[in-house]
Amino acid sequence: MSDPFAIRMNFKRSYLEKLTSNPASQMRAAAYAVKYREQDEDLHSCILEQLDASNINLRANIMYFLEYLCELSKHEGCTQYIASITRDLPTIVDLVAPGTKAGAMNIKVVLKVLHSLVQKSILPEDLVANLSSQLEARSKEAEASISNPGTAGLVERNDGINELDHEAIEQRMEEDRERHKRLREDAWAVDFDKEADALMDAARRAGGLTEKLMQECRDDARERTVAVELDKKKWEEIMARGTHPSSARQQDVEMT
């Protein structure tokens, strides 16, 4: 495919508009963008346009996609996407988590992605710190608006992102549940004993670990292992009962 217009439309219709919470969906979209990196500015503008036109759920998925795009771009030496995202980051943040009641749902999503990209040395720390403080202030406004509905708080808008219908709410709950499930599976896959032993060996060789600290590390590793096993058991019980996503989500909150 060499027609720039066809590349752009395919990116929009086959990838961005169909993004889900599934990492495979987001990785495919990132791979497509990197493949056609010679059209980076055009595809980047397409991302911004899609953010502006999408409901709040798709905006969250696009934010997660941007994390994949930045990681893949860094791996492939394709820095132009990272530069464009960094340049337009304030706009992206405002589009994904606008100052509306529905937009407040995405504040944690944005913060998670931003902090992850800082930890991976992809985004500048000072820029993210500034945006994070703005989002945290917006989050407090949202909490105040919920606690005191009559007070001035988040604005109301009629552009399709102020309220979600029942189907959109169910979709968001299901996608959040799937993300939470994958995070749990990642945690269950960690062998804390091996991880602790490796860290202790490295510290011992460096001469910075006493026997007391070593024992504390072992105790901490055992506590984490027990906590993960209990968490896994509770989650499997929920899944075995076929709990509805809304009640499962509530139980997740109680478990954490």
C-alpha atoms as a PDB file:
ATOM      1  CA  MET A   1       0.000   0.000   0.000  1.00  0.00           C
ATOM      2  CA  SER A   2       1.646   3.225  -1.143  1.00  0.00           C
ATOM      3  CA  ASP A   3      -1.242   5.681  -1.491  1.00  0.00           C
ATOM      4  CA  PRO A   4      -0.963   8.113   1.468  1.00  0.00           C
ATOM      5  CA  PHE A   5      -4.724   8.628   1.608  1.00  0.00           C
ATOM      6  CA  ALA A   6      -5.371   4.874   1.639  1.00  0.00           C
ATOM      7  CA  ILE A   7      -2.785   4.386   4.408  1.00  0.00           C
ATOM      8  CA  ARG A   8      -4.422   7.080   6.514  1.00  0.00           C
ATOM      9  CA  MET A   9      -7.972   5.784   6.013  1.00  0.00           C
ATOM     10  CA  ASN A  10      -6.927   2.217   6.718  1.00  0.00           C
ATOM     11  CA  PHE A  11      -5.198   3.331   9.927  1.00  0.00           C
ATOM     12  CA  LYS A  12      -8.330   5.168  11.004  1.00  0.00           C
ATOM     13  CA  ARG A  13     -10.999   2.628  10.052  1.00  0.00           C
ATOM     14  CA  SER A  14      -9.194  -0.681  10.554  1.00  0.00           C
ATOM     15  CA  TYR A  15      -7.132   0.186  13.613  1.00  0.00           C
ATOM     16  CA  LEU A  16      -8.018   3.331  15.588  1.00  0.00           C
ATOM     17  CA  GLU A  17     -11.803   3.035  15.354  1.00  0.00           C
ATOM     18  CA  LYS A  18     -11.619  -0.650  16.333  1.00  0.00           C
ATOM     19  CA  LEU A  19      -9.176  -0.362  19.229  1.00  0.00           C
ATOM     20  CA  THR A  20     -10.137  -2.445  22.261  1.00  0.00           C
ATOM     21  CA  SER A  21      -8.551  -3.071  25.647  1.00  0.00           C
ATOM     22  CA  ASN A  22      -6.844  -6.138  24.164  1.00  0.00           C
ATOM     23  CA  PRO A  23      -3.057  -5.574  23.984  1.00  0.00           C
ATOM     24  CA  ALA A  24      -2.953  -7.388  20.635  1.00  0.00           C
ATOM     25  CA  SER A  25      -5.330  -4.802  19.156  1.00  0.00           C
ATOM     26  CA  GLN A  26      -3.184  -1.935  20.420  1.00  0.00           C
ATOM     27  CA  MET A  27       0.077  -3.554  19.326  1.00  0.00           C
ATOM     28  CA  ARG A  28      -1.246  -4.136  15.796  1.00  0.00           C
ATOM     29  CA  ALA A  29      -2.172  -0.464  15.526  1.00  0.00           C
ATOM     30  CA  ALA A  30       1.270   0.562  16.798  1.00  0.00           C
ATOM     31  CA  ALA A  31       2.996  -1.776  14.339  1.00  0.00           C
ATOM     32  CA  TYR A  32       0.986  -0.297  11.462  1.00  0.00           C
ATOM     33  CA  ALA A  33       1.975   3.251  12.432  1.00  0.00           C
ATOM     34  CA  VAL A  34       5.650   2.317  12.702  1.00  0.00           C
ATOM     35  CA  LYS A  35       5.516   0.442   9.407  1.00  0.00           C
ATOM     36  CA  TYR A  36       4.350   3.621   7.661  1.00  0.00           C
ATOM     37  CA  ARG A  37       6.614   5.921   9.643  1.00  0.00           C
ATOM     38  CA  GLU A  38       7.279   8.061   6.561  1.00  0.00           C
ATOM     39  CA  GLN A  39       3.731   9.386   7.077  1.00  0.00           C
ATOM     40  CA  ASP A  40       4.213   9.971  10.785  1.00  0.00           C
ATOM     41  CA  GLU A  41       2.818  13.523  10.837  1.00  0.00           C
ATOM     42  CA  ASP A  42      -0.277  12.518   8.887  1.00  0.00           C
ATOM     43  CA  LEU A  43      -0.918   9.451  11.055  1.00  0.00           C
ATOM     44  CA  HIS A  44      -0.250  11.458  14.213  1.00  0.00           C
ATOM     45  CA  SER A  45      -2.843  14.043  13.137  1.00  0.00           C
ATOM     46  CA  CYS A  46      -5.214  11.141  12.471  1.00  0.00           C
ATOM     47  CA  ILE A  47      -4.746  10.012  16.089  1.00  0.00           C
ATOM     48  CA  LEU A  48      -5.615  13.491  17.374  1.00  0.00           C
ATOM     49  CA  GLU A  49      -8.683  13.671  15.133  1.00  0.00           C
ATOM     50  CA  GLN A  50      -9.844  10.252  16.304  1.00  0.00           C
ATOM     51  CA  LEU A  51      -9.408  11.270  19.935  1.00  0.00           C
ATOM     52  CA  ASP A  52     -11.544  14.348  19.345  1.00  0.00           C
ATOM     53  CA  ALA A  53     -14.291  12.328  17.640  1.00  0.00           C
ATOM     54  CA  SER A  54     -14.426   9.300  19.961  1.00  0.00           C
ATOM     55  CA  ASN A  55     -16.406   8.458  23.069  1.00  0.00           C
ATOM     56  CA  ILE A  56     -14.655   8.346  26.422  1.00  0.00           C
ATOM     57  CA  ASN A  57     -14.063   4.571  26.267  1.00  0.00           C
ATOM     58  CA  LEU A  58     -12.244   4.655  22.939  1.00  0.00           C
ATOM     59  CA  ARG A  59     -10.205   7.605  24.153  1.00  0.00           C
ATOM     60  CA  ALA A  60      -8.937   5.453  27.025  1.00  0.00           C
ATOM     61  CA  ASN A  61      -7.993   2.669  24.609  1.00  0.00           C
ATOM     62  CA  ILE A  62      -6.172   5.157  22.383  1.00  0.00           C
ATOM     63  CA  MET A  63      -4.200   6.370  25.407  1.00  0.00           C
ATOM     64  CA  TYR A  64      -3.051   2.816  26.107  1.00  0.00           C
ATOM     65  CA  PHE A  65      -2.250   2.443  22.396  1.00  0.00           C
ATOM     66  CA  LEU A  66       0.008   5.509  22.592  1.00  0.00           C
ATOM     67  CA  GLU A  67       2.066   3.741  25.239  1.00  0.00           C
ATOM     68  CA  TYR A  68       2.573   0.794  22.876  1.00  0.00           C
ATOM     69  CA  LEU A  69       3.375   3.167  20.025  1.00  0.00           C
ATOM     70  CA  CYS A  70       6.029   4.972  22.069  1.00  0.00           C
ATOM     71  CA  GLU A  71       7.621   1.717  23.238  1.00  0.00           C
ATOM     72  CA  LEU A  72       7.702   0.225  19.754  1.00  0.00           C
ATOM     73  CA  SER A  73       8.975   3.476  18.263  1.00  0.00           C
ATOM     74  CA  LYS A  74      11.826   3.582  20.769  1.00  0.00           C
ATOM     75  CA  HIS A  75      12.683  -0.051  20.062  1.00  0.00           C
ATOM     76  CA  GLU A  76      12.677   0.526  16.297  1.00  0.00           C
ATOM     77  CA  GLY A  77      14.560   3.832  16.467  1.00  0.00           C
ATOM     78  CA  CYS A  78      11.492   5.644  15.119  1.00  0.00           C
ATOM     79  CA  THR A  79      11.687   8.768  17.267  1.00  0.00           C
ATOM     80  CA  GLN A  80       9.361  10.983  15.248  1.00  0.00           C
ATOM     81  CA  TYR A  81       6.201   9.612  16.898  1.00  0.00           C
ATOM     82  CA  ILE A  82       7.670  10.158  20.367  1.00  0.00           C
ATOM     83  CA  ALA A  83       8.574  13.734  19.412  1.00  0.00           C
ATOM     84  CA  SER A  84       5.049  14.426  18.124  1.00  0.00           C
ATOM     85  CA  ILE A  85       3.375  12.878  21.171  1.00  0.00           C
ATOM     86  CA  THR A  86       5.646  14.855  23.508  1.00  0.00           C
ATOM     87  CA  ARG A  87       4.897  18.064  21.621  1.00  0.00           C
ATOM     88  CA  ASP A  88       1.129  17.552  21.714  1.00  0.00           C
ATOM     89  CA  LEU A  89       0.930  15.842  25.102  1.00  0.00           C
ATOM     90  CA  PRO A  90      -1.093  18.618  26.814  1.00  0.00           C
ATOM     91  CA  THR A  91      -3.665  18.417  24.002  1.00  0.00           C
ATOM     92  CA  ILE A  92      -3.734  14.614  24.182  1.00  0.00           C
ATOM     93  CA  VAL A  93      -4.267  14.676  27.946  1.00  0.00           C
ATOM     94  CA  ASP A  94      -7.139  17.156  27.625  1.00  0.00           C
ATOM     95  CA  LEU A  95      -8.767  15.030  24.933  1.00  0.00           C
ATOM     96  CA  VAL A  96      -8.469  11.743  26.826  1.00  0.00           C
ATOM     97  CA  ALA A  97      -9.467  13.143  30.225  1.00  0.00           C
ATOM     98  CA  PRO A  98     -11.395  16.378  29.564  1.00  0.00           C
ATOM     99  CA  GLY A  99     -12.809  18.445  32.406  1.00  0.00           C
ATOM    100  CA  THR A 100     -16.187  16.725  32.369  1.00  0.00           C
ATOM    101  CA  LYS A 101     -17.805  14.157  34.625  1.00  0.00           C
ATOM    102  CA  ALA A 102     -17.277  11.436  32.040  1.00  0.00           C
ATOM    103  CA  GLY A 103     -13.744  12.668  31.389  1.00  0.00           C
ATOM    104  CA  ALA A 104     -12.891  12.133  35.046  1.00  0.00           C
ATOM    105  CA  MET A 105     -13.199   8.390  34.398  1.00  0.00           C
ATOM    106  CA  ASN A 106      -9.994   8.527  32.354  1.00  0.00           C
ATOM    107  CA  ILE A 107      -7.787  10.460  34.767  1.00  0.00           C
ATOM    108  CA  LYS A 108      -6.280   7.310  36.284  1.00  0.00           C
ATOM    109  CA  VAL A 109      -5.739   5.877  32.798  1.00  0.00           C
ATOM    110  CA  VAL A 110      -3.775   8.935  31.708  1.00  0.00           C
ATOM    111  CA  LEU A 111      -1.720   9.074  34.907  1.00  0.00           C
ATOM    112  CA  LYS A 112      -0.848   5.395  34.612  1.00  0.00           C
ATOM    113  CA  VAL A 113       0.364   5.729  31.017  1.00  0.00           C
ATOM    114  CA  LEU A 114       2.285   8.952  31.663  1.00  0.00           C
ATOM    115  CA  HIS A 115       4.118   7.574  34.680  1.00  0.00           C
ATOM    116  CA  SER A 116       4.902   4.356  32.822  1.00  0.00           C
ATOM    117  CA  LEU A 117       6.443   6.286  29.927  1.00  0.00           C
ATOM    118  CA  VAL A 118       8.521   8.383  32.323  1.00  0.00           C
ATOM    119  CA  GLN A 119       9.824   5.231  34.010  1.00  0.00           C
ATOM    120  CA  LYS A 120      10.813   3.914  30.583  1.00  0.00           C
ATOM    121  CA  SER A 121      12.685   7.170  29.851  1.00  0.00           C
ATOM    122  CA  ILE A 122      10.400   7.999  26.927  1.00  0.00           C
ATOM    123  CA  LEU A 123       8.677  11.157  28.155  1.00  0.00           C
ATOM    124  CA  PRO A 124      10.352  14.076  29.988  1.00  0.00           C
ATOM    125  CA  GLU A 125       9.766  13.939  33.720  1.00  0.00           C
ATOM    126  CA  ASP A 126       9.132  17.665  34.174  1.00  0.00           C
ATOM    127  CA  LEU A 127       6.393  17.748  31.520  1.00  0.00           C
ATOM    128  CA  VAL A 128       4.652  14.725  33.009  1.00  0.00           C
ATOM    129  CA  ALA A 129       4.932  16.149  36.533  1.00  0.00           C
ATOM    130  CA  ASN A 130       3.196  19.338  35.412  1.00  0.00           C
ATOM    131  CA  LEU A 131       0.405  17.476  33.628  1.00  0.00           C
ATOM    132  CA  SER A 132       0.008  15.076  36.553  1.00  0.00           C
ATOM    133  CA  SER A 133      -0.554  17.945  38.983  1.00  0.00           C
ATOM    134  CA  GLN A 134      -3.249  19.327  36.682  1.00  0.00           C
ATOM    135  CA  LEU A 135      -4.940  15.931  36.469  1.00  0.00           C
ATOM    136  CA  GLU A 136      -4.819  15.429  40.220  1.00  0.00           C
ATOM    137  CA  ALA A 137      -6.491  18.820  40.678  1.00  0.00           C
ATOM    138  CA  ARG A 138      -9.119  17.789  38.133  1.00  0.00           C
ATOM    139  CA  SER A 139      -9.644  14.543  40.031  1.00  0.00           C
ATOM    140  CA  LYS A 140     -10.288  16.466  43.254  1.00  0.00           C
ATOM    141  CA  GLU A 141     -12.821  18.616  41.394  1.00  0.00           C
ATOM    142  CA  ALA A 142     -14.566  15.445  40.251  1.00  0.00           C
ATOM    143  CA  GLU A 143     -14.697  14.069  43.802  1.00  0.00           C
ATOM    144  CA  ALA A 144     -16.065  17.378  45.075  1.00  0.00           C
ATOM    145  CA  SER A 145     -18.662  17.447  42.304  1.00  0.00           C
ATOM    146  CA  ILE A 146     -19.842  13.950  43.255  1.00  0.00           C
ATOM    147  CA  SER A 147     -19.925  14.732  46.982  1.00  0.00           C
ATOM    148  CA  ASN A 148     -21.668  18.089  46.496  1.00  0.00           C
ATOM    149  CA  PRO A 149     -23.691  17.993  43.249  1.00  0.00           C
ATOM    150  CA  GLY A 150     -24.925  21.544  43.732  1.00  0.00           C
ATOM    151  CA  THR A 151     -21.469  23.102  43.820  1.00  0.00           C
ATOM    152  CA  ALA A 152     -19.541  24.382  40.821  1.00  0.00           C
ATOM    153  CA  GLY A 153     -17.282  21.694  39.488  1.00  0.00           C
ATOM    154  CA  LEU A 154     -16.696  19.874  36.263  1.00  0.00           C
ATOM    155  CA  VAL A 155     -18.395  21.420  33.259  1.00  0.00           C
ATOM    156  CA  GLU A 156     -21.233  19.842  31.310  1.00  0.00           C
ATOM    157  CA  ARG A 157     -20.779  19.335  27.591  1.00  0.00           C
ATOM    158  CA  ASN A 158     -22.997  18.085  24.786  1.00  0.00           C
ATOM    159  CA  ASP A 159     -20.331  16.648  22.490  1.00  0.00           C
ATOM    160  CA  GLY A 160     -20.973  12.998  23.195  1.00  0.00           C
ATOM    161  CA  ILE A 161     -18.497  12.557  26.041  1.00  0.00           C
ATOM    162  CA  ASN A 162     -20.389  14.054  28.954  1.00  0.00           C
ATOM    163  CA  GLU A 163     -22.612  11.040  29.574  1.00  0.00           C
ATOM    164  CA  LEU A 164     -22.400   7.356  28.707  1.00  0.00           C
ATOM    165  CA  ASP A 165     -25.347   5.181  27.808  1.00  0.00           C
ATOM    166  CA  HIS A 166     -25.917   1.829  29.506  1.00  0.00           C
ATOM    167  CA  GLU A 167     -24.142  -0.131  26.767  1.00  0.00           C
ATOM    168  CA  ALA A 168     -21.058   2.106  26.925  1.00  0.00           C
ATOM    169  CA  ILE A 169     -20.916   1.769  30.712  1.00  0.00           C
ATOM    170  CA  GLU A 170     -21.113  -2.021  30.465  1.00  0.00           C
ATOM    171  CA  GLN A 171     -18.382  -2.015  27.818  1.00  0.00           C
ATOM    172  CA  ARG A 172     -16.107   0.130  29.985  1.00  0.00           C
ATOM    173  CA  MET A 173     -16.645  -2.087  33.016  1.00  0.00           C
ATOM    174  CA  GLU A 174     -15.856  -5.194  30.980  1.00  0.00           C
ATOM    175  CA  GLU A 175     -12.693  -3.661  29.516  1.00  0.00           C
ATOM    176  CA  ASP A 176     -11.518  -2.482  32.937  1.00  0.00           C
ATOM    177  CA  ARG A 177     -12.200  -5.971  34.260  1.00  0.00           C
ATOM    178  CA  GLU A 178     -10.095  -7.524  31.486  1.00  0.00           C
ATOM    179  CA  ARG A 179      -7.216  -5.114  32.166  1.00  0.00           C
ATOM    180  CA  HIS A 180      -7.404  -5.912  35.877  1.00  0.00           C
ATOM    181  CA  LYS A 181      -7.421  -9.626  35.109  1.00  0.00           C
ATOM    182  CA  ARG A 182      -4.289  -9.330  32.961  1.00  0.00           C
ATOM    183  CA  LEU A 183      -2.529  -7.355  35.701  1.00  0.00           C
ATOM    184  CA  ARG A 184      -3.387 -10.123  38.155  1.00  0.00           C
ATOM    185  CA  GLU A 185      -2.101 -12.795  35.795  1.00  0.00           C
ATOM    186  CA  ASP A 186       1.158 -10.871  35.423  1.00  0.00           C
ATOM    187  CA  ALA A 187       1.499 -10.723  39.202  1.00  0.00           C
ATOM    188  CA  TRP A 188       0.733 -14.427  39.560  1.00  0.00           C
ATOM    189  CA  ALA A 189       3.482 -15.210  37.044  1.00  0.00           C
ATOM    190  CA  VAL A 190       6.157 -13.597  39.238  1.00  0.00           C
ATOM    191  CA  ASP A 191       8.217 -15.997  41.360  1.00  0.00           C
ATOM    192  CA  PHE A 192       8.852 -13.761  44.351  1.00  0.00           C
ATOM    193  CA  ASP A 193      11.267 -16.204  45.995  1.00  0.00           C
ATOM    194  CA  LYS A 194      13.513 -16.302  42.935  1.00  0.00           C
ATOM    195  CA  GLU A 195      13.210 -12.551  42.503  1.00  0.00           C
ATOM    196  CA  ALA A 196      14.182 -11.911  46.132  1.00  0.00           C
ATOM    197  CA  ASP A 197      17.079 -14.394  45.963  1.00  0.00           C
ATOM    198  CA  ALA A 198      18.456 -12.714  42.848  1.00  0.00           C
ATOM    199  CA  LEU A 199      18.264  -9.281  44.467  1.00  0.00           C
ATOM    200  CA  MET A 200      19.902 -10.532  47.653  1.00  0.00           C
ATOM    201  CA  ASP A 201      22.711 -12.237  45.749  1.00  0.00           C
ATOM    202  CA  ALA A 202      23.445  -9.041  43.854  1.00  0.00           C
ATOM    203  CA  ALA A 203      23.427  -6.972  47.046  1.00  0.00           C
ATOM    204  CA  ARG A 204      25.559  -9.507  48.913  1.00  0.00           C
ATOM    205  CA  ARG A 205      28.191  -9.383  46.207  1.00  0.00           C
ATOM    206  CA  ALA A 206      28.173  -5.610  46.485  1.00  0.00           C
ATOM    207  CA  GLY A 207      28.694  -5.881  50.242  1.00  0.00           C
ATOM    208  CA  GLY A 208      25.574  -3.920  51.109  1.00  0.00           C
ATOM    209  CA  LEU A 209      23.293  -6.590  52.628  1.00  0.00           C
ATOM    210  CA  THR A 210      23.399  -7.779  56.238  1.00  0.00           C
ATOM    211  CA  GLU A 211      21.948 -11.077  57.469  1.00  0.00           C
ATOM    212  CA  LYS A 212      19.114  -9.180  59.154  1.00  0.00           C
ATOM    213  CA  LEU A 213      18.161  -7.420  55.937  1.00  0.00           C
ATOM    214  CA  MET A 214      18.384 -10.706  54.048  1.00  0.00           C
ATOM    215  CA  GLN A 215      15.885 -12.282  56.459  1.00  0.00           C
ATOM    216  CA  GLU A 216      13.558  -9.295  56.095  1.00  0.00           C
ATOM    217  CA  CYS A 217      13.692  -9.713  52.308  1.00  0.00           C
ATOM    218  CA  ARG A 218      12.796 -13.400  52.632  1.00  0.00           C
ATOM    219  CA  ASP A 219       9.900 -12.618  54.988  1.00  0.00           C
ATOM    220  CA  ASP A 220       8.614  -9.931  52.637  1.00  0.00           C
ATOM    221  CA  ALA A 221       8.815 -12.322  49.674  1.00  0.00           C
ATOM    222  CA  ARG A 222       6.820 -14.954  51.570  1.00  0.00           C
ATOM    223  CA  GLU A 223       4.152 -12.411  52.540  1.00  0.00           C
ATOM    224  CA  ARG A 224       3.780 -11.301  48.927  1.00  0.00           C
ATOM    225  CA  THR A 225       3.525 -14.909  47.758  1.00  0.00           C
ATOM    226  CA  VAL A 226       0.737 -15.624  50.262  1.00  0.00           C
ATOM    227  CA  ALA A 227      -1.089 -12.416  49.304  1.00  0.00           C
ATOM    228  CA  VAL A 228      -0.912 -13.253  45.600  1.00  0.00           C
ATOM    229  CA  GLU A 229      -2.161 -16.811  46.188  1.00  0.00           C
ATOM    230  CA  LEU A 230      -5.125 -15.542  48.228  1.00  0.00           C
ATOM    231  CA  ASP A 231      -5.892 -12.953  45.583  1.00  0.00           C
ATOM    232  CA  LYS A 232      -5.730 -15.597  42.867  1.00  0.00           C
ATOM    233  CA  LYS A 233      -8.047 -17.920  44.810  1.00  0.00           C
ATOM    234  CA  LYS A 234     -10.645 -15.187  45.352  1.00  0.00           C
ATOM    235  CA  TRP A 235     -10.515 -14.209  41.689  1.00  0.00           C
ATOM    236  CA  GLU A 236     -10.961 -17.831  40.557  1.00  0.00           C
ATOM    237  CA  GLU A 237     -13.983 -18.163  42.868  1.00  0.00           C
ATOM    238  CA  ILE A 238     -15.535 -15.062  41.297  1.00  0.00           C
ATOM    239  CA  MET A 239     -14.920 -16.396  37.787  1.00  0.00           C
ATOM    240  CA  ALA A 240     -16.286 -19.846  38.716  1.00  0.00           C
ATOM    241  CA  ARG A 241     -19.550 -18.278  39.881  1.00  0.00           C
ATOM    242  CA  GLY A 242     -19.836 -16.382  36.592  1.00  0.00           C
ATOM    243  CA  THR A 243     -20.305 -13.121  38.453  1.00  0.00           C
ATOM    244  CA  HIS A 244     -21.725 -10.206  36.466  1.00  0.00           C
ATOM    245  CA  PRO A 245     -19.024  -7.673  35.524  1.00  0.00           C
ATOM    246  CA  SER A 246     -20.519  -4.951  37.732  1.00  0.00           C
ATOM    247  CA  SER A 247     -20.580  -7.105  40.868  1.00  0.00           C
ATOM    248  CA  ALA A 248     -17.198  -8.623  40.022  1.00  0.00           C
ATOM    249  CA  ARG A 249     -15.764  -5.157  39.780  1.00  0.00           C
ATOM    250  CA  GLN A 250     -17.185  -4.297  43.205  1.00  0.00           C
ATOM    251  CA  GLN A 251     -15.609  -7.434  44.668  1.00  0.00           C
ATOM    252  CA  ASP A 252     -12.300  -6.461  43.079  1.00  0.00           C
ATOM    253  CA  VAL A 253     -12.470  -3.200  45.012  1.00  0.00           C
ATOM    254  CA  GLU A 254     -13.180  -5.066  48.241  1.00  0.00           C
ATOM    255  CA  MET A 255     -10.271  -7.441  47.617  1.00  0.00           C
ATOM    256  CA  THR A 256      -7.704  -4.672  47.079  1.00  0.00           C
END
